[in-house]
Each structure stands twice: as C-alpha cells, then as structure tokens.
Amino acid sequence: MAGLTRSDVEHVAYLARLRLTDEELDRLEGQLNHILDQYAKLSELDTSAIPPTAQTIELENILREDVASPSLSVEDVLRNARATDGDFIVVPPILGGDAS
C-alpha cells in the first residue's frame, strides 16, 4: 500500500484549515503513515469466522434513576438572573430583534 506523501499531508492540513510548521508536517506524515501501516496489517487477518457486529461491548443503561429531589425556589433562581419578567428569566434573542 502506498503511503502518504508530504504533499498529501499538506493538502489534508489545508482542507482542515490547519496552519502547520514544516516540523509538524514531517511528524504528521510519519504518524499518519504508521497508522496506515497498522491498518494494512489488520487487513491480513482472516476474519471469515468472525460474525459482523455493530457493537463490540455489551450495552447497558448507565443512567441513574430519575428521582425527584428538592430544588431551588423560584425566588432563589430569579435572584441570580440578570433580567426577569414576572416568574420568567429574560434572555437576549438569538435571531436578532430587541430584548426589551
């Protein structure tokens, strides 16, 4: 398998909008070619007896139980807000307009 050239690495860096020094380009060229070599070694393995899988580890729900617990009072929350309107916090609009 042909490796990446310095020109290839410069092109990828340009596409990713990365401004890399000559030293960084040299190091990255070596690292990327090493990664490609490792993938080439993996392609030599006989995987015909291994069933395809989308998940390599058991899935389990790692979320905690949803249990109601005491929270801040409305007054405490509103006391931290920069601007309020009744029991609501006023925030600036995100699509233009006036926040008055």
PDB file of N, CA and C in Angstrom:
ATOM      1  N   MET A   1       0.850  -1.187   0.000  1.00  0.00           N
ATOM      2  CA  MET A   1       0.000   0.000   0.000  1.00  0.00           C
ATOM      3  C   MET A   1       0.889   1.241   0.000  1.00  0.00           C
ATOM      4  N   ALA A   2       0.617   2.147  -0.895  1.00  0.00           N
ATOM      5  CA  ALA A   2       1.403   3.376  -0.990  1.00  0.00           C
ATOM      6  C   ALA A   2       1.095   4.281   0.192  1.00  0.00           C
ATOM      7  N   GLY A   3       2.137   4.894   0.717  1.00  0.00           N
ATOM      8  CA  GLY A   3       1.966   5.789   1.856  1.00  0.00           C
ATOM      9  C   GLY A   3       1.594   7.195   1.416  1.00  0.00           C
ATOM     10  N   LEU A   4       1.358   8.013   2.409  1.00  0.00           N
ATOM     11  CA  LEU A   4       1.041   9.418   2.145  1.00  0.00           C
ATOM     12  C   LEU A   4       2.322  10.185   1.887  1.00  0.00           C
ATOM     13  N   THR A   5       2.283  11.084   0.942  1.00  0.00           N
ATOM     14  CA  THR A   5       3.427  11.946   0.664  1.00  0.00           C
ATOM     15  C   THR A   5       3.290  13.236   1.471  1.00  0.00           C
ATOM     16  N   ARG A   6       4.355  13.985   1.497  1.00  0.00           N
ATOM     17  CA  ARG A   6       4.330  15.289   2.169  1.00  0.00           C
ATOM     18  C   ARG A   6       3.245  16.159   1.547  1.00  0.00           C
ATOM     19  N   SER A   7       3.102  16.079   0.236  1.00  0.00           N
ATOM     20  CA  SER A   7       2.086  16.846  -0.476  1.00  0.00           C
ATOM     21  C   SER A   7       0.675  16.445  -0.026  1.00  0.00           C
ATOM     22  N   ASP A   8       0.455  15.142   0.191  1.00  0.00           N
ATOM     23  CA  ASP A   8      -0.849  14.671   0.681  1.00  0.00           C
ATOM     24  C   ASP A   8      -1.160  15.272   2.046  1.00  0.00           C
ATOM     25  N   VAL A   9      -0.170  15.251   2.921  1.00  0.00           N
ATOM     26  CA  VAL A   9      -0.365  15.775   4.272  1.00  0.00           C
ATOM     27  C   VAL A   9      -0.625  17.277   4.227  1.00  0.00           C
ATOM     28  N   GLU A  10       0.102  17.995   3.393  1.00  0.00           N
ATOM     29  CA  GLU A  10      -0.131  19.439   3.247  1.00  0.00           C
ATOM     30  C   GLU A  10      -1.540  19.710   2.740  1.00  0.00           C
ATOM     31  N   HIS A  11      -2.006  18.893   1.802  1.00  0.00           N
ATOM     32  CA  HIS A  11      -3.353  19.077   1.248  1.00  0.00           C
ATOM     33  C   HIS A  11      -4.421  18.836   2.314  1.00  0.00           C
ATOM     34  N   VAL A  12      -4.267  17.775   3.093  1.00  0.00           N
ATOM     35  CA  VAL A  12      -5.229  17.489   4.170  1.00  0.00           C
ATOM     36  C   VAL A  12      -5.198  18.608   5.208  1.00  0.00           C
ATOM     37  N   ALA A  13      -4.026  19.088   5.550  1.00  0.00           N
ATOM     38  CA  ALA A  13      -3.917  20.195   6.503  1.00  0.00           C
ATOM     39  C   ALA A  13      -4.611  21.445   5.953  1.00  0.00           C
ATOM     40  N   TYR A  14      -4.454  21.696   4.666  1.00  0.00           N
ATOM     41  CA  TYR A  14      -5.123  22.838   4.039  1.00  0.00           C
ATOM     42  C   TYR A  14      -6.644  22.677   4.117  1.00  0.00           C
ATOM     43  N   LEU A  15      -7.139  21.475   3.791  1.00  0.00           N
ATOM     44  CA  LEU A  15      -8.587  21.237   3.841  1.00  0.00           C
ATOM     45  C   LEU A  15      -9.139  21.396   5.251  1.00  0.00           C
ATOM     46  N   ALA A  16      -8.330  21.006   6.244  1.00  0.00           N
ATOM     47  CA  ALA A  16      -8.760  21.117   7.643  1.00  0.00           C
ATOM     48  C   ALA A  16      -8.479  22.507   8.206  1.00  0.00           C
ATOM     49  N   ARG A  17      -7.955  23.384   7.370  1.00  0.00           N
ATOM     50  CA  ARG A  17      -7.618  24.758   7.769  1.00  0.00           C
ATOM     51  C   ARG A  17      -6.637  24.772   8.937  1.00  0.00           C
ATOM     52  N   LEU A  18      -5.638  23.870   8.851  1.00  0.00           N
ATOM     53  CA  LEU A  18      -4.589  23.809   9.867  1.00  0.00           C
ATOM     54  C   LEU A  18      -3.334  24.481   9.330  1.00  0.00           C
ATOM     55  N   ARG A  19      -2.783  25.379  10.095  1.00  0.00           N
ATOM     56  CA  ARG A  19      -1.535  26.022   9.713  1.00  0.00           C
ATOM     57  C   ARG A  19      -0.428  25.288  10.465  1.00  0.00           C
ATOM     58  N   LEU A  20       0.288  24.409   9.755  1.00  0.00           N
ATOM     59  CA  LEU A  20       1.299  23.576  10.391  1.00  0.00           C
ATOM     60  C   LEU A  20       2.689  24.008   9.956  1.00  0.00           C
ATOM     61  N   THR A  21       3.634  23.889  10.881  1.00  0.00           N
ATOM     62  CA  THR A  21       5.028  24.188  10.557  1.00  0.00           C
ATOM     63  C   THR A  21       5.614  23.013   9.776  1.00  0.00           C
ATOM     64  N   ASP A  22       6.806  23.230   9.193  1.00  0.00           N
ATOM     65  CA  ASP A  22       7.476  22.142   8.475  1.00  0.00           C
ATOM     66  C   ASP A  22       7.732  20.962   9.407  1.00  0.00           C
ATOM     67  N   GLU A  23       8.128  21.251  10.636  1.00  0.00           N
ATOM     68  CA  GLU A  23       8.390  20.189  11.612  1.00  0.00           C
ATOM     69  C   GLU A  23       7.107  19.397  11.913  1.00  0.00           C
ATOM     70  N   GLU A  24       6.002  20.103  12.068  1.00  0.00           N
ATOM     71  CA  GLU A  24       4.729  19.428  12.336  1.00  0.00           C
ATOM     72  C   GLU A  24       4.283  18.588  11.145  1.00  0.00           C
ATOM     73  N   LEU A  25       4.487  19.105   9.937  1.00  0.00           N
ATOM     74  CA  LEU A  25       4.132  18.345   8.737  1.00  0.00           C
ATOM     75  C   LEU A  25       4.967  17.073   8.627  1.00  0.00           C
ATOM     76  N   ASP A  26       6.259  17.174   8.929  1.00  0.00           N
ATOM     77  CA  ASP A  26       7.125  15.993   8.882  1.00  0.00           C
ATOM     78  C   ASP A  26       6.668  14.950   9.898  1.00  0.00           C
ATOM     79  N   ARG A  27       6.414  15.402  11.124  1.00  0.00           N
ATOM     80  CA  ARG A  27       5.987  14.481  12.180  1.00  0.00           C
ATOM     81  C   ARG A  27       4.642  13.844  11.831  1.00  0.00           C
ATOM     82  N   LEU A  28       3.717  14.643  11.328  1.00  0.00           N
ATOM     83  CA  LEU A  28       2.392  14.138  10.979  1.00  0.00           C
ATOM     84  C   LEU A  28       2.456  13.152   9.822  1.00  0.00           C
ATOM     85  N   GLU A  29       3.319  13.410   8.859  1.00  0.00           N
ATOM     86  CA  GLU A  29       3.478  12.473   7.742  1.00  0.00           C
ATOM     87  C   GLU A  29       3.905  11.104   8.265  1.00  0.00           C
ATOM     88  N   GLY A  30       4.871  11.080   9.169  1.00  0.00           N
ATOM     89  CA  GLY A  30       5.333   9.816   9.736  1.00  0.00           C
ATOM     90  C   GLY A  30       4.251   9.128  10.554  1.00  0.00           C
ATOM     91  N   GLN A  31       3.528   9.895  11.367  1.00  0.00           N
ATOM     92  CA  GLN A  31       2.478   9.316  12.207  1.00  0.00           C
ATOM     93  C   GLN A  31       1.333   8.748  11.366  1.00  0.00           C
ATOM     94  N   LEU A  32       0.904   9.490  10.351  1.00  0.00           N
ATOM     95  CA  LEU A  32      -0.195   9.013   9.514  1.00  0.00           C
ATOM     96  C   LEU A  32       0.205   7.771   8.719  1.00  0.00           C
ATOM     97  N   ASN A  33       1.425   7.737   8.229  1.00  0.00           N
ATOM     98  CA  ASN A  33       1.887   6.558   7.508  1.00  0.00           C
ATOM     99  C   ASN A  33       2.005   5.350   8.431  1.00  0.00           C
ATOM    100  N   HIS A  34       2.385   5.572   9.683  1.00  0.00           N
ATOM    101  CA  HIS A  34       2.436   4.479  10.657  1.00  0.00           C
ATOM    102  C   HIS A  34       1.024   3.927  10.900  1.00  0.00           C
ATOM    103  N   ILE A  35       0.043   4.796  11.022  1.00  0.00           N
ATOM    104  CA  ILE A  35      -1.351   4.363  11.217  1.00  0.00           C
ATOM    105  C   ILE A  35      -1.822   3.556  10.014  1.00  0.00           C
ATOM    106  N   LEU A  36      -1.530   4.025   8.819  1.00  0.00           N
ATOM    107  CA  LEU A  36      -1.930   3.288   7.611  1.00  0.00           C
ATOM    108  C   LEU A  36      -1.251   1.916   7.544  1.00  0.00           C
ATOM    109  N   ASP A  37       0.002   1.845   7.978  1.00  0.00           N
ATOM    110  CA  ASP A  37       0.701   0.555   8.011  1.00  0.00           C
ATOM    111  C   ASP A  37       0.016  -0.414   8.971  1.00  0.00           C
ATOM    112  N   GLN A  38      -0.434   0.092  10.115  1.00  0.00           N
ATOM    113  CA  GLN A  38      -1.109  -0.763  11.091  1.00  0.00           C
ATOM    114  C   GLN A  38      -2.430  -1.287  10.533  1.00  0.00           C
ATOM    115  N   TYR A  39      -3.165  -0.462   9.818  1.00  0.00           N
ATOM    116  CA  TYR A  39      -4.415  -0.916   9.192  1.00  0.00           C
ATOM    117  C   TYR A  39      -4.132  -1.949   8.106  1.00  0.00           C
ATOM    118  N   ALA A  40      -3.033  -1.787   7.391  1.00  0.00           N
ATOM    119  CA  ALA A  40      -2.669  -2.766   6.371  1.00  0.00           C
ATOM    120  C   ALA A  40      -2.400  -4.123   7.017  1.00  0.00           C
ATOM    121  N   LYS A  41      -1.770  -4.119   8.192  1.00  0.00           N
ATOM    122  CA  LYS A  41      -1.528  -5.379   8.908  1.00  0.00           C
ATOM    123  C   LYS A  41      -2.840  -6.022   9.324  1.00  0.00           C
ATOM    124  N   LEU A  42      -3.794  -5.224   9.766  1.00  0.00           N
ATOM    125  CA  LEU A  42      -5.093  -5.768  10.168  1.00  0.00           C
ATOM    126  C   LEU A  42      -5.809  -6.410   8.990  1.00  0.00           C
ATOM    127  N   SER A  43      -5.625  -5.865   7.799  1.00  0.00           N
ATOM    128  CA  SER A  43      -6.316  -6.413   6.629  1.00  0.00           C
ATOM    129  C   SER A  43      -5.780  -7.797   6.251  1.00  0.00           C
ATOM    130  N   GLU A  44      -4.620  -8.191   6.772  1.00  0.00           N
ATOM    131  CA  GLU A  44      -4.047  -9.509   6.504  1.00  0.00           C
ATOM    132  C   GLU A  44      -4.710 -10.614   7.332  1.00  0.00           C
ATOM    133  N   LEU A  45      -5.453 -10.241   8.371  1.00  0.00           N
ATOM    134  CA  LEU A  45      -6.070 -11.233   9.247  1.00  0.00           C
ATOM    135  C   LEU A  45      -7.260 -11.908   8.570  1.00  0.00           C
ATOM    136  N   ASP A  46      -7.430 -13.207   8.862  1.00  0.00           N
ATOM    137  CA  ASP A  46      -8.584 -13.947   8.355  1.00  0.00           C
ATOM    138  C   ASP A  46      -9.743 -13.721   9.318  1.00  0.00           C
ATOM    139  N   THR A  47     -10.725 -12.984   8.880  1.00  0.00           N
ATOM    140  CA  THR A  47     -11.892 -12.681   9.721  1.00  0.00           C
ATOM    141  C   THR A  47     -13.151 -13.390   9.224  1.00  0.00           C
ATOM    142  N   SER A  48     -12.987 -14.381   8.371  1.00  0.00           N
ATOM    143  CA  SER A  48     -14.158 -15.051   7.794  1.00  0.00           C
ATOM    144  C   SER A  48     -14.994 -15.785   8.845  1.00  0.00           C
ATOM    145  N   ALA A  49     -14.388 -16.201   9.962  1.00  0.00           N
ATOM    146  CA  ALA A  49     -15.122 -16.933  11.004  1.00  0.00           C
ATOM    147  C   ALA A  49     -15.702 -15.994  12.062  1.00  0.00           C
ATOM    148  N   ILE A  50     -15.485 -14.719  11.908  1.00  0.00           N
ATOM    149  CA  ILE A  50     -15.972 -13.751  12.893  1.00  0.00           C
ATOM    150  C   ILE A  50     -17.234 -13.092  12.349  1.00  0.00           C
ATOM    151  N   PRO A  51     -18.350 -13.236  13.084  1.00  0.00           N
ATOM    152  CA  PRO A  51     -19.593 -12.634  12.581  1.00  0.00           C
ATOM    153  C   PRO A  51     -19.521 -11.105  12.633  1.00  0.00           C
ATOM    154  N   PRO A  52     -20.154 -10.458  11.667  1.00  0.00           N
ATOM    155  CA  PRO A  52     -20.176  -8.994  11.692  1.00  0.00           C
ATOM    156  C   PRO A  52     -20.916  -8.493  12.922  1.00  0.00           C
ATOM    157  N   THR A  53     -20.474  -7.378  13.440  1.00  0.00           N
ATOM    158  CA  THR A  53     -21.120  -6.797  14.611  1.00  0.00           C
ATOM    159  C   THR A  53     -21.084  -5.285  14.527  1.00  0.00           C
ATOM    160  N   ALA A  54     -22.089  -4.672  15.082  1.00  0.00           N
ATOM    161  CA  ALA A  54     -22.117  -3.208  15.130  1.00  0.00           C
ATOM    162  C   ALA A  54     -21.683  -2.713  16.499  1.00  0.00           C
ATOM    163  N   GLN A  55     -21.696  -3.605  17.480  1.00  0.00           N
ATOM    164  CA  GLN A  55     -21.361  -3.231  18.849  1.00  0.00           C
ATOM    165  C   GLN A  55     -20.405  -4.270  19.409  1.00  0.00           C
ATOM    166  N   THR A  56     -19.268  -3.838  19.908  1.00  0.00           N
ATOM    167  CA  THR A  56     -18.270  -4.792  20.386  1.00  0.00           C
ATOM    168  C   THR A  56     -18.347  -5.050  21.885  1.00  0.00           C
ATOM    169  N   ILE A  57     -19.088  -4.232  22.600  1.00  0.00           N
ATOM    170  CA  ILE A  57     -19.243  -4.448  24.039  1.00  0.00           C
ATOM    171  C   ILE A  57     -20.730  -4.497  24.364  1.00  0.00           C
ATOM    172  N   GLU A  58     -21.051  -5.111  25.503  1.00  0.00           N
ATOM    173  CA  GLU A  58     -22.444  -5.195  25.918  1.00  0.00           C
ATOM    174  C   GLU A  58     -22.988  -3.793  26.182  1.00  0.00           C
ATOM    175  N   LEU A  59     -24.220  -3.575  25.765  1.00  0.00           N
ATOM    176  CA  LEU A  59     -24.863  -2.294  26.035  1.00  0.00           C
ATOM    177  C   LEU A  59     -25.597  -2.377  27.356  1.00  0.00           C
ATOM    178  N   GLU A  60     -25.472  -1.356  28.143  1.00  0.00           N
ATOM    179  CA  GLU A  60     -26.225  -1.287  29.380  1.00  0.00           C
ATOM    180  C   GLU A  60     -26.568   0.166  29.662  1.00  0.00           C
ATOM    181  N   ASN A  61     -27.664   0.353  30.321  1.00  0.00           N
ATOM    182  CA  ASN A  61     -28.098   1.693  30.654  1.00  0.00           C
ATOM    183  C   ASN A  61     -27.264   2.183  31.833  1.00  0.00           C
ATOM    184  N   ILE A  62     -26.479   3.223  31.611  1.00  0.00           N
ATOM    185  CA  ILE A  62     -25.617   3.727  32.670  1.00  0.00           C
ATOM    186  C   ILE A  62     -26.209   4.974  33.323  1.00  0.00           C
ATOM    187  N   LEU A  63     -27.468   5.258  33.022  1.00  0.00           N
ATOM    188  CA  LEU A  63     -28.105   6.426  33.597  1.00  0.00           C
ATOM    189  C   LEU A  63     -28.613   6.118  34.999  1.00  0.00           C
ATOM    190  N   ARG A  64     -28.619   7.113  35.835  1.00  0.00           N
ATOM    191  CA  ARG A  64     -29.129   6.930  37.192  1.00  0.00           C
ATOM    192  C   ARG A  64     -30.651   6.942  37.157  1.00  0.00           C
ATOM    193  N   GLU A  65     -31.243   6.491  38.216  1.00  0.00           N
ATOM    194  CA  GLU A  65     -32.694   6.535  38.343  1.00  0.00           C
ATOM    195  C   GLU A  65     -33.149   7.994  38.371  1.00  0.00           C
ATOM    196  N   ASP A  66     -34.269   8.274  37.756  1.00  0.00           N
ATOM    197  CA  ASP A  66     -34.818   9.622  37.743  1.00  0.00           C
ATOM    198  C   ASP A  66     -35.665   9.801  38.995  1.00  0.00           C
ATOM    199  N   VAL A  67     -35.071  10.408  40.007  1.00  0.00           N
ATOM    200  CA  VAL A  67     -35.726  10.569  41.294  1.00  0.00           C
ATOM    201  C   VAL A  67     -35.883  12.060  41.574  1.00  0.00           C
ATOM    202  N   ALA A  68     -37.088  12.464  41.928  1.00  0.00           N
ATOM    203  CA  ALA A  68     -37.335  13.868  42.265  1.00  0.00           C
ATOM    204  C   ALA A  68     -36.606  14.214  43.557  1.00  0.00           C
ATOM    205  N   SER A  69     -35.998  15.386  43.583  1.00  0.00           N
ATOM    206  CA  SER A  69     -35.312  15.853  44.785  1.00  0.00           C
ATOM    207  C   SER A  69     -35.536  17.350  44.912  1.00  0.00           C
ATOM    208  N   PRO A  70     -35.310  17.882  46.084  1.00  0.00           N
ATOM    209  CA  PRO A  70     -35.536  19.317  46.286  1.00  0.00           C
ATOM    210  C   PRO A  70     -34.676  20.157  45.341  1.00  0.00           C
ATOM    211  N   SER A  71     -35.230  21.290  44.930  1.00  0.00           N
ATOM    212  CA  SER A  71     -34.533  22.179  44.026  1.00  0.00           C
ATOM    213  C   SER A  71     -34.550  23.583  44.611  1.00  0.00           C
ATOM    214  N   LEU A  72     -33.992  24.522  43.885  1.00  0.00           N
ATOM    215  CA  LEU A  72     -34.014  25.914  44.320  1.00  0.00           C
ATOM    216  C   LEU A  72     -35.430  26.467  44.207  1.00  0.00           C
ATOM    217  N   SER A  73     -35.733  27.408  45.051  1.00  0.00           N
ATOM    218  CA  SER A  73     -37.033  28.065  44.946  1.00  0.00           C
ATOM    219  C   SER A  73     -37.004  29.027  43.762  1.00  0.00           C
ATOM    220  N   VAL A  74     -38.178  29.400  43.262  1.00  0.00           N
ATOM    221  CA  VAL A  74     -38.265  30.342  42.151  1.00  0.00           C
ATOM    222  C   VAL A  74     -37.567  31.646  42.519  1.00  0.00           C
ATOM    223  N   GLU A  75     -37.748  32.079  43.734  1.00  0.00           N
ATOM    224  CA  GLU A  75     -37.122  33.331  44.182  1.00  0.00           C
ATOM    225  C   GLU A  75     -35.595  33.241  44.116  1.00  0.00           C
ATOM    226  N   ASP A  76     -35.032  32.106  44.562  1.00  0.00           N
ATOM    227  CA  ASP A  76     -33.579  31.939  44.525  1.00  0.00           C
ATOM    228  C   ASP A  76     -33.054  31.938  43.090  1.00  0.00           C
ATOM    229  N   VAL A  77     -33.766  31.293  42.192  1.00  0.00           N
ATOM    230  CA  VAL A  77     -33.343  31.253  40.791  1.00  0.00           C
ATOM    231  C   VAL A  77     -33.415  32.648  40.183  1.00  0.00           C
ATOM    232  N   LEU A  78     -34.520  33.341  40.388  1.00  0.00           N
ATOM    233  CA  LEU A  78     -34.694  34.666  39.799  1.00  0.00           C
ATOM    234  C   LEU A  78     -33.716  35.682  40.369  1.00  0.00           C
ATOM    235  N   ARG A  79     -33.271  35.476  41.581  1.00  0.00           N
ATOM    236  CA  ARG A  79     -32.308  36.377  42.214  1.00  0.00           C
ATOM    237  C   ARG A  79     -30.975  36.353  41.452  1.00  0.00           C
ATOM    238  N   ASN A  80     -30.660  35.262  40.769  1.00  0.00           N
ATOM    239  CA  ASN A  80     -29.411  35.145  40.005  1.00  0.00           C
ATOM    240  C   ASN A  80     -29.528  35.634  38.571  1.00  0.00           C
ATOM    241  N   ALA A  81     -30.735  35.921  38.110  1.00  0.00           N
ATOM    242  CA  ALA A  81     -30.947  36.319  36.725  1.00  0.00           C
ATOM    243  C   ALA A  81     -30.607  37.787  36.516  1.00  0.00           C
ATOM    244  N   ARG A  82     -30.075  38.110  35.366  1.00  0.00           N
ATOM    245  CA  ARG A  82     -29.745  39.488  35.031  1.00  0.00           C
ATOM    246  C   ARG A  82     -31.013  40.306  34.821  1.00  0.00           C
ATOM    247  N   ALA A  83     -32.030  39.691  34.136  1.00  0.00           N
ATOM    248  CA  ALA A  83     -33.293  40.389  33.883  1.00  0.00           C
ATOM    249  C   ALA A  83     -34.438  39.388  34.036  1.00  0.00           C
ATOM    250  N   THR A  84     -35.547  39.863  34.621  1.00  0.00           N
ATOM    251  CA  THR A  84     -36.709  38.995  34.805  1.00  0.00           C
ATOM    252  C   THR A  84     -37.971  39.705  34.359  1.00  0.00           C
ATOM    253  N   ASP A  85     -39.007  38.893  34.134  1.00  0.00           N
ATOM    254  CA  ASP A  85     -40.334  39.403  33.813  1.00  0.00           C
ATOM    255  C   ASP A  85     -41.315  38.479  34.524  1.00  0.00           C
ATOM    256  N   GLY A  86     -41.807  38.911  35.678  1.00  0.00           N
ATOM    257  CA  GLY A  86     -42.655  38.045  36.487  1.00  0.00           C
ATOM    258  C   GLY A  86     -41.829  36.882  37.005  1.00  0.00           C
ATOM    259  N   ASP A  87     -42.286  35.654  36.772  1.00  0.00           N
ATOM    260  CA  ASP A  87     -41.552  34.467  37.202  1.00  0.00           C
ATOM    261  C   ASP A  87     -40.656  33.896  36.098  1.00  0.00           C
ATOM    262  N   PHE A  88     -40.301  34.713  35.106  1.00  0.00           N
ATOM    263  CA  PHE A  88     -39.505  34.246  33.974  1.00  0.00           C
ATOM    264  C   PHE A  88     -38.189  34.994  33.899  1.00  0.00           C
ATOM    265  N   ILE A  89     -37.181  34.338  33.352  1.00  0.00           N
ATOM    266  CA  ILE A  89     -35.875  34.953  33.103  1.00  0.00           C
ATOM    267  C   ILE A  89     -35.884  35.476  31.676  1.00  0.00           C
ATOM    268  N   VAL A  90     -35.485  36.731  31.495  1.00  0.00           N
ATOM    269  CA  VAL A  90     -35.414  37.343  30.173  1.00  0.00           C
ATOM    270  C   VAL A  90     -34.001  37.116  29.628  1.00  0.00           C
ATOM    271  N   VAL A  91     -33.936  36.566  28.419  1.00  0.00           N
ATOM    272  CA  VAL A  91     -32.650  36.321  27.768  1.00  0.00           C
ATOM    273  C   VAL A  91     -32.643  37.042  26.436  1.00  0.00           C
ATOM    274  N   PRO A  92     -31.444  37.354  25.906  1.00  0.00           N
ATOM    275  CA  PRO A  92     -31.390  38.042  24.618  1.00  0.00           C
ATOM    276  C   PRO A  92     -31.861  37.136  23.497  1.00  0.00           C
ATOM    277  N   PRO A  93     -32.486  37.722  22.469  1.00  0.00           N
ATOM    278  CA  PRO A  93     -32.921  36.907  21.321  1.00  0.00           C
ATOM    279  C   PRO A  93     -31.714  36.385  20.563  1.00  0.00           C
ATOM    280  N   ILE A  94     -31.858  35.224  19.941  1.00  0.00           N
ATOM    281  CA  ILE A  94     -30.730  34.657  19.190  1.00  0.00           C
ATOM    282  C   ILE A  94     -30.853  34.916  17.705  1.00  0.00           C
ATOM    283  N   LEU A  95     -32.010  35.368  17.229  1.00  0.00           N
ATOM    284  CA  LEU A  95     -32.192  35.603  15.802  1.00  0.00           C
ATOM    285  C   LEU A  95     -32.435  37.083  15.511  1.00  0.00           C
ATOM    286  N   GLY A  96     -31.801  37.949  16.263  1.00  0.00           N
ATOM    287  CA  GLY A  96     -31.963  39.359  16.028  1.00  0.00           C
ATOM    288  C   GLY A  96     -33.173  39.900  16.769  1.00  0.00           C
ATOM    289  N   GLY A  97     -33.427  41.157  16.626  1.00  0.00           N
ATOM    290  CA  GLY A  97     -34.573  41.753  17.310  1.00  0.00           C
ATOM    291  C   GLY A  97     -34.123  42.438  18.586  1.00  0.00           C
ATOM    292  N   ASP A  98     -35.086  42.916  19.329  1.00  0.00           N
ATOM    293  CA  ASP A  98     -34.839  43.692  20.545  1.00  0.00           C
ATOM    294  C   ASP A  98     -35.272  42.864  21.759  1.00  0.00           C
ATOM    295  N   ALA A  99     -34.474  42.863  22.793  1.00  0.00           N
ATOM    296  CA  ALA A  99     -34.771  42.078  24.000  1.00  0.00           C
ATOM    297  C   ALA A  99     -35.536  42.898  25.025  1.00  0.00           C
ATOM    298  N   SER A 100     -36.165  43.978  24.628  1.00  0.00           N
ATOM    299  CA  SER A 100     -36.853  44.841  25.596  1.00  0.00           C
ATOM    300  C   SER A 100     -38.156  44.245  26.072  1.00  0.00           C
TER     301      SER A 100
END
